[in-house]
Structures are given as C-alpha cells and as structure tokens.
Amino acid sequence: MDTISLGARRKSVPIPRLGPVALLGLWLARARSRRQLRLLLTNPHVLADLGLTRDEADLESIKPFWR
C-alpha cells in the first residue's frame, strides 16, 4: 500500500490498491462528477450552497479523471 503526505504536517495516509473494475468505476464517477460541476459554474447560488467558489469549482472540473 502506498502513502501520500498531507500538507506541512507530513502525515502519511495509506492509499488502498484498487482492482481494475473498481478503478474504472472510480474514474467514471470522477468524470461524471466533474462534468456536472462544469454545468454548475454558471450558477453562483448552487456553488455557494456547496461551499465552493467559482475558481475552486473551475479548477476541480478541469482535472483529468485519473487525478
């Protein structure tokens, strides 16, 4: 299991290894979520309800599905 470091505290968090089917499902869910988020960029009220700024939503929506 790999680990990632979070912020200045350098806390390691284990990353579980996913099988190919689970990984594909995760990628599809990310792609779908980011497409939906892109549609919300024009509605500041919904973004505010989600606790996101337009810039944060824009940055998240343009990430590739594998990140």
PDB file of N, CA and C in Angstrom:
ATOM      1  N   MET A   1       0.840  -1.169   0.000  1.00  0.00           N
ATOM      2  CA  MET A   1       0.000   0.000   0.000  1.00  0.00           C
ATOM      3  C   MET A   1       0.892   1.240   0.000  1.00  0.00           C
ATOM      4  N   ASP A   2       0.626   2.176  -0.901  1.00  0.00           N
ATOM      5  CA  ASP A   2       1.381   3.424  -0.962  1.00  0.00           C
ATOM      6  C   ASP A   2       0.836   4.408   0.060  1.00  0.00           C
ATOM      7  N   THR A   3       1.618   5.451   0.321  1.00  0.00           N
ATOM      8  CA  THR A   3       1.155   6.506   1.207  1.00  0.00           C
ATOM      9  C   THR A   3       1.366   7.842   0.531  1.00  0.00           C
ATOM     10  N   ILE A   4       0.592   8.822   0.965  1.00  0.00           N
ATOM     11  CA  ILE A   4       0.768  10.189   0.494  1.00  0.00           C
ATOM     12  C   ILE A   4       0.974  11.084   1.693  1.00  0.00           C
ATOM     13  N   SER A   5       1.683  12.189   1.483  1.00  0.00           N
ATOM     14  CA  SER A   5       1.894  13.157   2.557  1.00  0.00           C
ATOM     15  C   SER A   5       0.891  14.284   2.409  1.00  0.00           C
ATOM     16  N   LEU A   6       0.348  14.727   3.520  1.00  0.00           N
ATOM     17  CA  LEU A   6      -0.646  15.790   3.523  1.00  0.00           C
ATOM     18  C   LEU A   6      -0.093  17.024   4.211  1.00  0.00           C
ATOM     19  N   GLY A   7       0.056  18.097   3.455  1.00  0.00           N
ATOM     20  CA  GLY A   7       0.411  19.393   3.999  1.00  0.00           C
ATOM     21  C   GLY A   7       1.748  19.422   4.720  1.00  0.00           C
ATOM     22  N   ALA A   8       1.920  20.474   5.513  1.00  0.00           N
ATOM     23  CA  ALA A   8       3.173  20.712   6.207  1.00  0.00           C
ATOM     24  C   ALA A   8       3.397  19.717   7.348  1.00  0.00           C
ATOM     25  N   ARG A   9       2.340  19.092   7.797  1.00  0.00           N
ATOM     26  CA  ARG A   9       2.464  18.170   8.929  1.00  0.00           C
ATOM     27  C   ARG A   9       3.095  16.846   8.512  1.00  0.00           C
ATOM     28  N   ARG A  10       3.127  16.571   7.226  1.00  0.00           N
ATOM     29  CA  ARG A  10       3.723  15.341   6.685  1.00  0.00           C
ATOM     30  C   ARG A  10       3.071  14.082   7.245  1.00  0.00           C
ATOM     31  N   LYS A  11       1.779  14.129   7.399  1.00  0.00           N
ATOM     32  CA  LYS A  11       1.044  12.970   7.883  1.00  0.00           C
ATOM     33  C   LYS A  11       0.823  12.015   6.709  1.00  0.00           C
ATOM     34  N   SER A  12       1.180  10.768   6.869  1.00  0.00           N
ATOM     35  CA  SER A  12       1.025   9.784   5.803  1.00  0.00           C
ATOM     36  C   SER A  12      -0.333   9.112   5.898  1.00  0.00           C
ATOM     37  N   VAL A  13      -0.977   9.001   4.758  1.00  0.00           N
ATOM     38  CA  VAL A  13      -2.280   8.359   4.674  1.00  0.00           C
ATOM     39  C   VAL A  13      -2.161   7.204   3.687  1.00  0.00           C
ATOM     40  N   PRO A  14      -2.533   5.993   4.080  1.00  0.00           N
ATOM     41  CA  PRO A  14      -2.416   4.871   3.143  1.00  0.00           C
ATOM     42  C   PRO A  14      -3.416   4.999   1.997  1.00  0.00           C
ATOM     43  N   ILE A  15      -2.972   4.640   0.802  1.00  0.00           N
ATOM     44  CA  ILE A  15      -3.830   4.635  -0.382  1.00  0.00           C
ATOM     45  C   ILE A  15      -4.103   3.185  -0.742  1.00  0.00           C
ATOM     46  N   PRO A  16      -5.360   2.759  -0.680  1.00  0.00           N
ATOM     47  CA  PRO A  16      -5.647   1.358  -1.000  1.00  0.00           C
ATOM     48  C   PRO A  16      -5.454   1.082  -2.490  1.00  0.00           C
ATOM     49  N   ARG A  17      -4.973  -0.078  -2.806  1.00  0.00           N
ATOM     50  CA  ARG A  17      -4.850  -0.521  -4.192  1.00  0.00           C
ATOM     51  C   ARG A  17      -6.219  -1.005  -4.656  1.00  0.00           C
ATOM     52  N   LEU A  18      -6.635  -0.545  -5.827  1.00  0.00           N
ATOM     53  CA  LEU A  18      -7.931  -0.938  -6.368  1.00  0.00           C
ATOM     54  C   LEU A  18      -7.734  -1.910  -7.512  1.00  0.00           C
ATOM     55  N   GLY A  19      -8.663  -2.820  -7.634  1.00  0.00           N
ATOM     56  CA  GLY A  19      -8.652  -3.706  -8.785  1.00  0.00           C
ATOM     57  C   GLY A  19      -9.088  -2.937 -10.023  1.00  0.00           C
ATOM     58  N   PRO A  20      -8.928  -3.535 -11.200  1.00  0.00           N
ATOM     59  CA  PRO A  20      -9.251  -2.819 -12.439  1.00  0.00           C
ATOM     60  C   PRO A  20     -10.718  -2.393 -12.550  1.00  0.00           C
ATOM     61  N   VAL A  21     -11.624  -3.207 -12.084  1.00  0.00           N
ATOM     62  CA  VAL A  21     -13.055  -2.871 -12.180  1.00  0.00           C
ATOM     63  C   VAL A  21     -13.384  -1.713 -11.237  1.00  0.00           C
ATOM     64  N   ALA A  22     -12.865  -1.773 -10.014  1.00  0.00           N
ATOM     65  CA  ALA A  22     -13.102  -0.696  -9.047  1.00  0.00           C
ATOM     66  C   ALA A  22     -12.458   0.605  -9.518  1.00  0.00           C
ATOM     67  N   LEU A  23     -11.267   0.510 -10.097  1.00  0.00           N
ATOM     68  CA  LEU A  23     -10.584   1.698 -10.596  1.00  0.00           C
ATOM     69  C   LEU A  23     -11.368   2.332 -11.741  1.00  0.00           C
ATOM     70  N   LEU A  24     -11.879   1.524 -12.636  1.00  0.00           N
ATOM     71  CA  LEU A  24     -12.696   2.031 -13.736  1.00  0.00           C
ATOM     72  C   LEU A  24     -13.947   2.728 -13.196  1.00  0.00           C
ATOM     73  N   GLY A  25     -14.575   2.126 -12.200  1.00  0.00           N
ATOM     74  CA  GLY A  25     -15.753   2.743 -11.581  1.00  0.00           C
ATOM     75  C   GLY A  25     -15.430   4.081 -10.948  1.00  0.00           C
ATOM     76  N   LEU A  26     -14.284   4.158 -10.276  1.00  0.00           N
ATOM     77  CA  LEU A  26     -13.856   5.410  -9.659  1.00  0.00           C
ATOM     78  C   LEU A  26     -13.626   6.470 -10.726  1.00  0.00           C
ATOM     79  N   TRP A  27     -12.943   6.105 -11.805  1.00  0.00           N
ATOM     80  CA  TRP A  27     -12.669   7.055 -12.889  1.00  0.00           C
ATOM     81  C   TRP A  27     -13.964   7.550 -13.529  1.00  0.00           C
ATOM     82  N   LEU A  28     -14.913   6.650 -13.746  1.00  0.00           N
ATOM     83  CA  LEU A  28     -16.192   7.050 -14.341  1.00  0.00           C
ATOM     84  C   LEU A  28     -16.948   8.003 -13.422  1.00  0.00           C
ATOM     85  N   ALA A  29     -16.935   7.720 -12.123  1.00  0.00           N
ATOM     86  CA  ALA A  29     -17.617   8.593 -11.161  1.00  0.00           C
ATOM     87  C   ALA A  29     -16.970   9.980 -11.122  1.00  0.00           C
ATOM     88  N   ARG A  30     -15.635  10.022 -11.165  1.00  0.00           N
ATOM     89  CA  ARG A  30     -14.947  11.316 -11.175  1.00  0.00           C
ATOM     90  C   ARG A  30     -15.288  12.109 -12.432  1.00  0.00           C
ATOM     91  N   ALA A  31     -15.265  11.440 -13.572  1.00  0.00           N
ATOM     92  CA  ALA A  31     -15.566  12.119 -14.835  1.00  0.00           C
ATOM     93  C   ALA A  31     -16.990  12.671 -14.818  1.00  0.00           C
ATOM     94  N   ARG A  32     -17.929  11.864 -14.328  1.00  0.00           N
ATOM     95  CA  ARG A  32     -19.329  12.297 -14.261  1.00  0.00           C
ATOM     96  C   ARG A  32     -19.488  13.482 -13.304  1.00  0.00           C
ATOM     97  N   SER A  33     -18.874  13.401 -12.128  1.00  0.00           N
ATOM     98  CA  SER A  33     -18.965  14.489 -11.149  1.00  0.00           C
ATOM     99  C   SER A  33     -18.387  15.782 -11.694  1.00  0.00           C
ATOM    100  N   ARG A  34     -17.276  15.675 -12.395  1.00  0.00           N
ATOM    101  CA  ARG A  34     -16.632  16.883 -12.920  1.00  0.00           C
ATOM    102  C   ARG A  34     -17.415  17.476 -14.082  1.00  0.00           C
ATOM    103  N   ARG A  35     -18.071  16.641 -14.876  1.00  0.00           N
ATOM    104  CA  ARG A  35     -18.969  17.170 -15.931  1.00  0.00           C
ATOM    105  C   ARG A  35     -20.126  17.922 -15.304  1.00  0.00           C
ATOM    106  N   GLN A  36     -20.711  17.347 -14.256  1.00  0.00           N
ATOM    107  CA  GLN A  36     -21.828  18.005 -13.574  1.00  0.00           C
ATOM    108  C   GLN A  36     -21.388  19.305 -12.907  1.00  0.00           C
ATOM    109  N   LEU A  37     -20.204  19.309 -12.331  1.00  0.00           N
ATOM    110  CA  LEU A  37     -19.676  20.515 -11.706  1.00  0.00           C
ATOM    111  C   LEU A  37     -19.473  21.614 -12.742  1.00  0.00           C
ATOM    112  N   ARG A  38     -19.004  21.244 -13.932  1.00  0.00           N
ATOM    113  CA  ARG A  38     -18.832  22.223 -15.014  1.00  0.00           C
ATOM    114  C   ARG A  38     -20.151  22.901 -15.354  1.00  0.00           C
ATOM    115  N   LEU A  39     -21.242  22.155 -15.296  1.00  0.00           N
ATOM    116  CA  LEU A  39     -22.563  22.719 -15.589  1.00  0.00           C
ATOM    117  C   LEU A  39     -22.999  23.726 -14.519  1.00  0.00           C
ATOM    118  N   LEU A  40     -22.476  23.577 -13.312  1.00  0.00           N
ATOM    119  CA  LEU A  40     -22.860  24.466 -12.217  1.00  0.00           C
ATOM    120  C   LEU A  40     -22.055  25.759 -12.180  1.00  0.00           C
ATOM    121  N   LEU A  41     -21.049  25.885 -13.016  1.00  0.00           N
ATOM    122  CA  LEU A  41     -20.194  27.068 -12.986  1.00  0.00           C
ATOM    123  C   LEU A  41     -20.957  28.361 -13.252  1.00  0.00           C
ATOM    124  N   THR A  42     -22.067  28.262 -13.934  1.00  0.00           N
ATOM    125  CA  THR A  42     -22.840  29.468 -14.248  1.00  0.00           C
ATOM    126  C   THR A  42     -23.852  29.822 -13.157  1.00  0.00           C
ATOM    127  N   ASN A  43     -23.948  29.005 -12.120  1.00  0.00           N
ATOM    128  CA  ASN A  43     -24.935  29.237 -11.067  1.00  0.00           C
ATOM    129  C   ASN A  43     -24.230  29.476  -9.725  1.00  0.00           C
ATOM    130  N   PRO A  44     -23.928  30.727  -9.403  1.00  0.00           N
ATOM    131  CA  PRO A  44     -23.183  31.016  -8.167  1.00  0.00           C
ATOM    132  C   PRO A  44     -23.932  30.631  -6.892  1.00  0.00           C
ATOM    133  N   HIS A  45     -25.267  30.606  -6.936  1.00  0.00           N
ATOM    134  CA  HIS A  45     -26.036  30.256  -5.745  1.00  0.00           C
ATOM    135  C   HIS A  45     -25.842  28.789  -5.376  1.00  0.00           C
ATOM    136  N   VAL A  46     -25.837  27.924  -6.355  1.00  0.00           N
ATOM    137  CA  VAL A  46     -25.625  26.496  -6.096  1.00  0.00           C
ATOM    138  C   VAL A  46     -24.196  26.259  -5.616  1.00  0.00           C
ATOM    139  N   LEU A  47     -23.230  26.927  -6.251  1.00  0.00           N
ATOM    140  CA  LEU A  47     -21.842  26.786  -5.807  1.00  0.00           C
ATOM    141  C   LEU A  47     -21.686  27.239  -4.356  1.00  0.00           C
ATOM    142  N   ALA A  48     -22.342  28.334  -4.001  1.00  0.00           N
ATOM    143  CA  ALA A  48     -22.291  28.812  -2.616  1.00  0.00           C
ATOM    144  C   ALA A  48     -22.898  27.781  -1.663  1.00  0.00           C
ATOM    145  N   ASP A  49     -23.990  27.138  -2.078  1.00  0.00           N
ATOM    146  CA  ASP A  49     -24.606  26.094  -1.255  1.00  0.00           C
ATOM    147  C   ASP A  49     -23.647  24.923  -1.051  1.00  0.00           C
ATOM    148  N   LEU A  50     -22.814  24.655  -2.062  1.00  0.00           N
ATOM    149  CA  LEU A  50     -21.832  23.573  -1.972  1.00  0.00           C
ATOM    150  C   LEU A  50     -20.573  24.000  -1.223  1.00  0.00           C
ATOM    151  N   GLY A  51     -20.463  25.296  -0.930  1.00  0.00           N
ATOM    152  CA  GLY A  51     -19.293  25.801  -0.233  1.00  0.00           C
ATOM    153  C   GLY A  51     -18.085  25.956  -1.137  1.00  0.00           C
ATOM    154  N   LEU A  52     -18.338  26.178  -2.433  1.00  0.00           N
ATOM    155  CA  LEU A  52     -17.259  26.327  -3.406  1.00  0.00           C
ATOM    156  C   LEU A  52     -17.295  27.708  -4.047  1.00  0.00           C
ATOM    157  N   THR A  53     -16.129  28.232  -4.343  1.00  0.00           N
ATOM    158  CA  THR A  53     -16.067  29.443  -5.155  1.00  0.00           C
ATOM    159  C   THR A  53     -16.063  29.019  -6.612  1.00  0.00           C
ATOM    160  N   ARG A  54     -16.292  29.971  -7.501  1.00  0.00           N
ATOM    161  CA  ARG A  54     -16.267  29.649  -8.928  1.00  0.00           C
ATOM    162  C   ARG A  54     -14.892  29.147  -9.344  1.00  0.00           C
ATOM    163  N   ASP A  55     -13.846  29.761  -8.799  1.00  0.00           N
ATOM    164  CA  ASP A  55     -12.482  29.343  -9.129  1.00  0.00           C
ATOM    165  C   ASP A  55     -12.188  27.917  -8.658  1.00  0.00           C
ATOM    166  N   GLU A  56     -12.631  27.581  -7.445  1.00  0.00           N
ATOM    167  CA  GLU A  56     -12.420  26.222  -6.930  1.00  0.00           C
ATOM    168  C   GLU A  56     -13.152  25.194  -7.789  1.00  0.00           C
ATOM    169  N   ALA A  57     -14.386  25.506  -8.151  1.00  0.00           N
ATOM    170  CA  ALA A  57     -15.169  24.597  -8.979  1.00  0.00           C
ATOM    171  C   ALA A  57     -14.546  24.449 -10.363  1.00  0.00           C
ATOM    172  N   ASP A  58     -14.054  25.557 -10.904  1.00  0.00           N
ATOM    173  CA  ASP A  58     -13.417  25.516 -12.215  1.00  0.00           C
ATOM    174  C   ASP A  58     -12.164  24.644 -12.184  1.00  0.00           C
ATOM    175  N   LEU A  59     -11.330  24.831 -11.156  1.00  0.00           N
ATOM    176  CA  LEU A  59     -10.113  24.028 -11.037  1.00  0.00           C
ATOM    177  C   LEU A  59     -10.423  22.537 -10.896  1.00  0.00           C
ATOM    178  N   GLU A  60     -11.422  22.210 -10.106  1.00  0.00           N
ATOM    179  CA  GLU A  60     -11.790  20.800  -9.924  1.00  0.00           C
ATOM    180  C   GLU A  60     -12.380  20.215 -11.205  1.00  0.00           C
ATOM    181  N   SER A  61     -13.165  20.999 -11.920  1.00  0.00           N
ATOM    182  CA  SER A  61     -13.848  20.476 -13.104  1.00  0.00           C
ATOM    183  C   SER A  61     -12.909  20.204 -14.274  1.00  0.00           C
ATOM    184  N   ILE A  62     -11.739  20.839 -14.291  1.00  0.00           N
ATOM    185  CA  ILE A  62     -10.826  20.612 -15.412  1.00  0.00           C
ATOM    186  C   ILE A  62      -9.766  19.545 -15.119  1.00  0.00           C
ATOM    187  N   LYS A  63      -9.802  18.988 -13.919  1.00  0.00           N
ATOM    188  CA  LYS A  63      -8.857  17.911 -13.602  1.00  0.00           C
ATOM    189  C   LYS A  63      -9.171  16.681 -14.455  1.00  0.00           C
ATOM    190  N   PRO A  64      -8.146  15.963 -14.876  1.00  0.00           N
ATOM    191  CA  PRO A  64      -8.416  14.718 -15.604  1.00  0.00           C
ATOM    192  C   PRO A  64      -9.009  13.665 -14.648  1.00  0.00           C
ATOM    193  N   PHE A  65      -9.718  12.713 -15.195  1.00  0.00           N
ATOM    194  CA  PHE A  65     -10.431  11.731 -14.373  1.00  0.00           C
ATOM    195  C   PHE A  65      -9.497  10.870 -13.523  1.00  0.00           C
ATOM    196  N   TRP A  66      -8.245  10.736 -13.914  1.00  0.00           N
ATOM    197  CA  TRP A  66      -7.335   9.869 -13.159  1.00  0.00           C
ATOM    198  C   TRP A  66      -6.693  10.572 -11.965  1.00  0.00           C
ATOM    199  N   ARG A  67      -6.995  11.838 -11.754  1.00  0.00           N
ATOM    200  CA  ARG A  67      -6.435  12.549 -10.586  1.00  0.00           C
ATOM    201  C   ARG A  67      -7.482  12.803  -9.547  1.00  0.00           C
TER     202      ARG A  67
END
